Amino acid sequence: MSALPLAAGDGGGRFPEFNTTGQAKHWDAATASVVMGRLGRPPDIRFFSTTQEAAASALFNQLLDQREEPRIPVVAMVDARLAAQETDGWHYEDMPADADAWRQTLAALDDEARIRCGTVFAAAGWHEQTRLLQGIQNLGPDLWHGIPAKQTWSLWTRYACTAFYSHPWAWDEIGFAGPAYPRGYKNIGVDSLEPFEVRDARPGADPARGSQTQGRQGSL
């Protein structure tokens, strides 16, 4: 995937001239402050150490195929959640709580990279990183560095996708007009659009198939 906004060849341009932030005038002050704040300077790193931040940044770039700037600042968004202890409210019984799980799995990622690539994960080449992560995903329910690989993959992708798809740049790509409050939606139903929504210019194009997409579709 290229930098956002995506080129048509990378699956972009499906909602021509659509801009989520153009709807900000319809949001209440609190909502607008939260959403527009995501477009400003990312928060300082408070949870991750310098080493963990480097590993997490490289990990998120791989999972979300963000190869170049401008990138959605996923690592800063995840760090802010963990620093504020804003978790999903649950964790797998065979995994530590999320904060400890992140520290443990990032350390394991660097250990794995040292074995397989001769360096820490962030310093490995793009394709080396891809192969390493694919190997972890392929383990499924088996243990990886003493922790379930499947649960580790779930932890990483849950946090990555939650951060990525809370950002207005991602909303522009999927035609999401942002929070419905306080205006709401009145045209409920399949293929029913509000006046402020834009119809998909290529509804028959499946982004998960064909040469159009090179992103992460179920596997690396």
Protein backbone atom coordinates (compact mmCIF):
# COMPACT_ATOMS: atom_id res chain seq x y z
CA MET A 1 0.00 0.00 0.00
CA SER A 2 1.24 3.48 -0.80
CA ALA A 3 0.82 6.52 1.40
CA LEU A 4 -2.70 7.82 1.94
CA PRO A 5 -4.63 8.86 -0.01
CA LEU A 6 -4.29 5.69 -2.04
CA ALA A 7 -3.84 5.73 -5.78
CA ALA A 8 -6.52 3.96 -7.84
CA GLY A 9 -4.12 1.11 -8.56
CA ASP A 10 -3.79 0.49 -4.83
CA GLY A 11 -7.56 0.42 -4.29
CA GLY A 12 -8.05 4.13 -3.64
CA GLY A 13 -10.27 6.71 -5.27
CA ARG A 14 -13.47 4.79 -4.64
CA PHE A 15 -15.22 7.79 -3.10
CA PRO A 16 -14.24 10.73 -5.34
CA GLU A 17 -13.82 14.13 -3.65
CA PHE A 18 -15.08 12.72 -0.35
CA ASN A 19 -13.54 14.30 2.76
CA THR A 20 -14.65 13.24 6.22
CA THR A 21 -13.51 16.43 7.89
CA GLY A 22 -15.91 18.36 5.67
CA GLN A 23 -18.61 17.05 8.01
CA ALA A 24 -17.01 18.58 11.13
CA LYS A 25 -19.48 21.47 11.14
CA HIS A 26 -22.23 18.95 11.93
CA TRP A 27 -20.47 17.47 14.98
CA ASP A 28 -20.76 18.80 18.49
CA ALA A 29 -17.73 20.53 19.99
CA ALA A 30 -16.52 17.53 21.98
CA THR A 31 -16.75 15.17 19.00
CA ALA A 32 -15.04 17.61 16.65
CA SER A 33 -12.23 18.15 19.16
CA VAL A 34 -11.54 14.42 19.45
CA VAL A 35 -11.68 13.69 15.71
CA MET A 36 -9.78 16.75 14.52
CA GLY A 37 -7.18 16.17 17.23
CA ARG A 38 -6.21 12.96 15.46
CA LEU A 39 -4.98 15.07 12.55
CA GLY A 40 -2.65 17.12 14.73
CA ARG A 41 0.73 16.35 16.22
CA PRO A 42 0.79 12.78 17.57
CA PRO A 43 1.04 12.49 21.35
CA ASP A 44 4.47 11.91 22.87
CA ILE A 45 5.44 8.30 23.54
CA ARG A 46 4.84 7.49 27.21
CA PHE A 47 4.34 3.73 27.45
CA PHE A 48 6.82 2.16 25.04
CA SER A 49 10.57 2.32 25.63
CA THR A 50 12.72 3.54 22.74
CA THR A 51 13.46 -0.07 21.76
CA GLN A 52 9.82 -1.10 22.04
CA GLU A 53 8.69 1.93 20.03
CA ALA A 54 11.04 1.00 17.18
CA ALA A 55 9.80 -2.60 17.12
CA ALA A 56 6.14 -1.55 17.36
CA SER A 57 6.52 1.04 14.58
CA ALA A 58 8.02 -1.53 12.22
CA LEU A 59 5.37 -4.07 13.22
CA PHE A 60 2.48 -1.70 12.53
CA ASN A 61 3.97 -0.61 9.22
CA GLN A 62 4.01 -4.26 8.19
CA LEU A 63 0.54 -5.14 9.45
CA LEU A 64 -1.02 -2.10 7.78
CA ASP A 65 1.35 -1.97 4.80
CA GLN A 66 2.28 1.65 5.51
CA ARG A 67 5.54 1.80 3.58
CA GLU A 68 6.01 5.54 3.26
CA GLU A 69 4.99 8.89 4.68
CA PRO A 70 2.53 10.28 5.37
CA ARG A 71 1.53 7.45 7.68
CA ILE A 72 -1.30 7.30 10.17
CA PRO A 73 0.62 7.53 13.50
CA VAL A 74 -0.54 4.15 14.76
CA VAL A 75 2.30 3.56 17.22
CA ALA A 76 1.61 6.86 18.99
CA MET A 77 -2.12 6.10 19.12
CA VAL A 78 -1.56 2.62 20.57
CA ASP A 79 1.01 3.98 23.03
CA ALA A 80 -1.50 6.57 24.26
CA ARG A 81 -4.10 3.83 24.84
CA LEU A 82 -1.68 1.68 26.80
CA ALA A 83 -0.36 4.62 28.83
CA ALA A 84 -3.94 5.51 29.79
CA GLN A 85 -4.79 1.82 30.44
CA GLU A 86 -7.57 2.01 27.83
CA THR A 87 -7.68 -1.66 26.92
CA ASP A 88 -10.49 -3.73 25.41
CA GLY A 89 -11.53 -4.66 28.95
CA TRP A 90 -10.56 -8.32 28.60
CA HIS A 91 -7.61 -10.51 27.71
CA TYR A 92 -7.06 -14.18 26.90
CA GLU A 93 -6.64 -16.34 29.99
CA ASP A 94 -3.40 -17.76 28.60
CA MET A 95 -1.97 -14.27 27.92
CA PRO A 96 -0.81 -11.54 30.30
CA ALA A 97 -2.82 -8.32 30.61
CA ASP A 98 -2.41 -6.18 27.50
CA ALA A 99 0.32 -3.87 28.82
CA ASP A 100 2.55 -6.77 29.83
CA ALA A 101 1.59 -8.72 26.70
CA TRP A 102 2.80 -5.86 24.51
CA ARG A 103 6.12 -5.62 26.32
CA GLN A 104 6.60 -9.38 26.21
CA THR A 105 5.66 -9.87 22.56
CA LEU A 106 7.77 -6.96 21.31
CA ALA A 107 10.78 -8.33 23.19
CA ALA A 108 10.10 -11.74 21.64
CA LEU A 109 9.83 -10.12 18.20
CA ASP A 110 13.31 -8.63 18.57
CA ASP A 111 14.66 -11.95 19.87
CA GLU A 112 13.18 -13.75 16.88
CA ALA A 113 14.65 -11.17 14.50
CA ARG A 114 18.11 -11.57 16.02
CA ILE A 115 17.90 -15.31 15.39
CA ARG A 116 16.47 -15.16 11.88
CA CYS A 117 17.78 -11.83 10.56
CA GLY A 118 20.86 -11.13 12.66
CA THR A 119 19.44 -7.83 13.95
CA VAL A 120 16.49 -6.36 15.82
CA PHE A 121 13.14 -6.36 14.03
CA ALA A 122 13.11 -2.64 13.19
CA ALA A 123 16.53 -2.90 11.50
CA ALA A 124 15.64 -5.92 9.37
CA GLY A 125 14.71 -5.47 5.71
CA TRP A 126 11.08 -5.13 4.70
CA HIS A 127 10.86 -8.59 3.13
CA GLU A 128 12.73 -10.16 6.06
CA GLN A 129 10.16 -8.64 8.40
CA THR A 130 7.33 -9.93 6.24
CA ARG A 131 8.66 -13.49 6.26
CA LEU A 132 9.24 -13.40 10.00
CA LEU A 133 5.69 -12.23 10.73
CA GLN A 134 4.20 -14.74 8.31
CA GLY A 135 6.02 -17.47 10.19
CA ILE A 136 4.49 -16.31 13.46
CA GLN A 137 0.99 -16.20 11.99
CA ASN A 138 1.43 -19.65 10.49
CA LEU A 139 2.03 -21.13 13.95
CA GLY A 140 -1.66 -20.71 14.79
CA PRO A 141 -2.40 -22.06 18.28
CA ASP A 142 1.19 -23.25 18.84
CA LEU A 143 3.45 -21.51 21.31
CA TRP A 144 5.87 -18.82 20.14
CA HIS A 145 8.50 -17.82 22.69
CA GLY A 146 6.29 -19.34 25.36
CA ILE A 147 3.12 -17.48 24.36
CA PRO A 148 0.32 -18.56 21.99
CA ALA A 149 1.06 -17.29 18.48
CA LYS A 150 -2.64 -16.98 17.62
CA GLN A 151 -3.34 -14.80 20.65
CA THR A 152 -0.26 -12.70 19.94
CA TRP A 153 -1.49 -12.11 16.38
CA SER A 154 -4.90 -11.12 17.71
CA LEU A 155 -3.35 -8.65 20.16
CA TRP A 156 -1.26 -6.99 17.48
CA THR A 157 -3.96 -6.76 14.82
CA ARG A 158 -6.73 -5.62 17.20
CA TYR A 159 -4.74 -2.66 18.39
CA ALA A 160 -3.39 -1.87 14.92
CA CYS A 161 -6.79 -1.88 13.22
CA THR A 162 -8.56 0.00 16.01
CA ALA A 163 -6.03 2.83 15.76
CA PHE A 164 -5.85 2.89 11.96
CA TYR A 165 -9.60 2.94 11.39
CA SER A 166 -10.21 5.63 14.00
CA HIS A 167 -8.29 8.14 11.85
CA PRO A 168 -10.01 10.46 9.35
CA TRP A 169 -7.54 9.56 6.60
CA ALA A 170 -8.72 5.97 6.76
CA TRP A 171 -12.35 7.12 6.83
CA ASP A 172 -11.79 9.02 3.58
CA GLU A 173 -10.64 5.78 1.92
CA ILE A 174 -13.75 3.83 2.97
CA GLY A 175 -16.31 6.60 2.52
CA PHE A 176 -17.17 6.86 6.21
CA ALA A 177 -18.63 10.27 7.09
CA GLY A 178 -17.59 10.12 10.72
CA PRO A 179 -19.64 10.23 13.91
CA ALA A 180 -23.40 10.36 13.44
CA TYR A 181 -23.98 12.39 16.60
CA PRO A 182 -25.80 14.74 16.85
CA ARG A 183 -27.10 14.82 13.27
CA GLY A 184 -27.83 11.11 12.91
CA TYR A 185 -28.75 9.13 9.82
CA LYS A 186 -32.22 9.09 8.22
CA ASN A 187 -31.79 6.93 5.10
CA ILE A 188 -31.47 3.49 6.64
CA GLY A 189 -31.14 0.47 4.36
CA VAL A 190 -28.92 -1.31 1.89
CA ASP A 191 -27.47 1.10 -0.68
CA SER A 192 -29.31 4.05 0.85
CA LEU A 193 -27.11 7.11 1.09
CA GLU A 194 -27.38 10.34 3.01
CA PRO A 195 -27.04 13.57 1.01
CA PHE A 196 -23.54 14.05 2.44
CA GLU A 197 -22.33 10.56 1.50
CA VAL A 198 -20.56 9.65 -1.75
CA ARG A 199 -21.38 6.52 -3.72
CA ASP A 200 -18.63 3.97 -4.33
CA ALA A 201 -17.24 4.61 -7.81
CA ARG A 202 -16.19 0.97 -8.22
CA PRO A 203 -18.69 -1.15 -6.29
CA GLY A 204 -17.79 -4.34 -8.15
CA ALA A 205 -14.10 -4.15 -7.29
CA ASP A 206 -13.19 -6.49 -4.44
CA PRO A 207 -10.20 -4.97 -2.61
CA ALA A 208 -9.26 -8.40 -1.25
CA ARG A 209 -8.78 -9.90 -4.70
CA GLY A 210 -6.86 -9.24 -7.87
CA SER A 211 -3.70 -7.25 -8.46
CA GLN A 212 -5.23 -4.05 -7.22
CA THR A 213 -4.39 -4.68 -3.59
CA GLN A 214 -1.07 -5.63 -2.07
CA GLY A 215 -2.09 -5.13 1.57
CA ARG A 216 -2.59 -7.53 4.41
CA GLN A 217 -5.59 -9.72 3.55
CA GLY A 218 -5.76 -12.42 6.22
CA SER A 219 -2.08 -13.29 5.84
CA LEU A 220 1.10 -11.42 5.15
